[in-house]
Every structure is written in structure tokens, then in C-alpha cells.
């Protein structure tokens, strides 16, 4: 009992912060998962329990963004099969591509992404029309497939890369890009949760209690995003990319 209380005191503040960050710009897993791991629980249990709390928070954000009109359901329905196919391919590639080779690739890609964001002052400023032409649909499908590959191959920051992809290559506004991303993340989170739950890899009580803090963090983040969307999201994404770059450098040279 005392050990569970210690875990919750350590985990819950980070899960709240992760939910806030994830609702605004993605990348909350960089904050919440290490908190679970720091408690000393086995990695597979940390992954499963983190997935439960993340699923609860993301569902709340998805419902709020749907109510605000940020989610384009047709695009979500279209993208999910391609994201699933890409994730399946990425999982297969993870078995044959050395981790170090992929990390070296990310080492150079992340600074280039950050530099491009800094140069593009109007990222995500365009409002997407309700009518989608073939070119937009094709780009969205390609984004879902490519980021899906990344999700299966490595995973951290998938939501952030989805937002960037929909803004850069499909000209969605930040709000619509984030709404579509959250809807897709909700579906993938539920799918992953089922797998972890089936294999008894979740501390359910801890996950549910932490999930309440995740809900509060996601709600606070969605309110913040509604007010400050474009400027705030760009800054948070740059912070997430910086954290990711530090992690890649650590994994390459110090782990």
C-alpha cells in the first residue's frame, strides 16, 4: 500500500504535465513514461500502465476537440487504415534495422525539422476548407502511412510528427491538425491498451488514478490550446524536439 502511494506521488504530477503538453503539441509520452520507469516497475508494466492513463486523457481531449469542431472525421477515417499499415511495416522494420542506424538518422532530422519550423513563421495559420480535393486526401494518406511507420519503428513523439505533417504537407491549421491527430491517437491508444490488458501488463489501480490526473492535464491543455493554439503549439513542439534530440544523443553516445 505504501509502495503504491509512493508510486502515485511520483507519477501523478508528471502525468498531469504530460497530458497538458500532449493536448497542446503532442509528445506527452516523453514526460509520463520516464516517471513510470523511475518507480522501478518492470518496463512492460510501465508501458502498459502509461498507456492506460494516456488513453484516458487523450479520449477527453478528442471529445473536447470534436465539440470545438477541430476534427475532420472524413480525414480521420481515411488516415487510420494507412497509419495501421505503416505501423505494421514499421514494427517489421524494427526487427531488421539496427537501432543505432535509426538514431543517427534522427540525430540529423530533428535539428532540420526545428530549423524549418523557426523559418516558417506562419506554420498552421491556414484554415482548411471543408471540401477536400484528391491532392489533399493523397497527402493525408501518405502522412498517416509514413508517420505510422515511425510509430511502429520507434514511437516517441508520434503525435508531434503527425501535427507537423498535417500542417506542413496538407496545409491544415494547427487546430485541425491537432484535432485529427488526437482522434487517431485515441484509436491507437485503445488498441494498444487492449493488447497490454490481455497480457496482464497493467497496474490497473495505479493507471486509473494516474489517468484522472491525465484527464485534468489534457483538459487544462485543451483549454490553453483553444486560447493560444498557434503560437503556443509551435513553442511546445520545439521543446519536444529539443528533448527528443537530447534523448537521441544520450542513447547514441552515453547509454
Foldseek 3Di string as FASTA:
>chain_A
DVLLVVLLVQQQVQLLQLLLLCLFARQSCLRRLVSLVVSVDDNLLSVLLSLLLLLLQLVLSLVVLVVVVLELVVLLVLLQVLLQQLLVLLLVVLVPDDPLVVLVVLLVVLVVLLVVLVVPPCFQVDADDSDDDPQLSVQSNVQSNNLSSVCNNPNGRSLNSQLNSCRPRNVHHSSNSNNSSSVSSSVVSVVVNVVSVVVVSYPVVSSVVSSVSSNNSNVVNNVVCVVVPPVVNSVSSNVSSVSVSVVSVCVNPPD
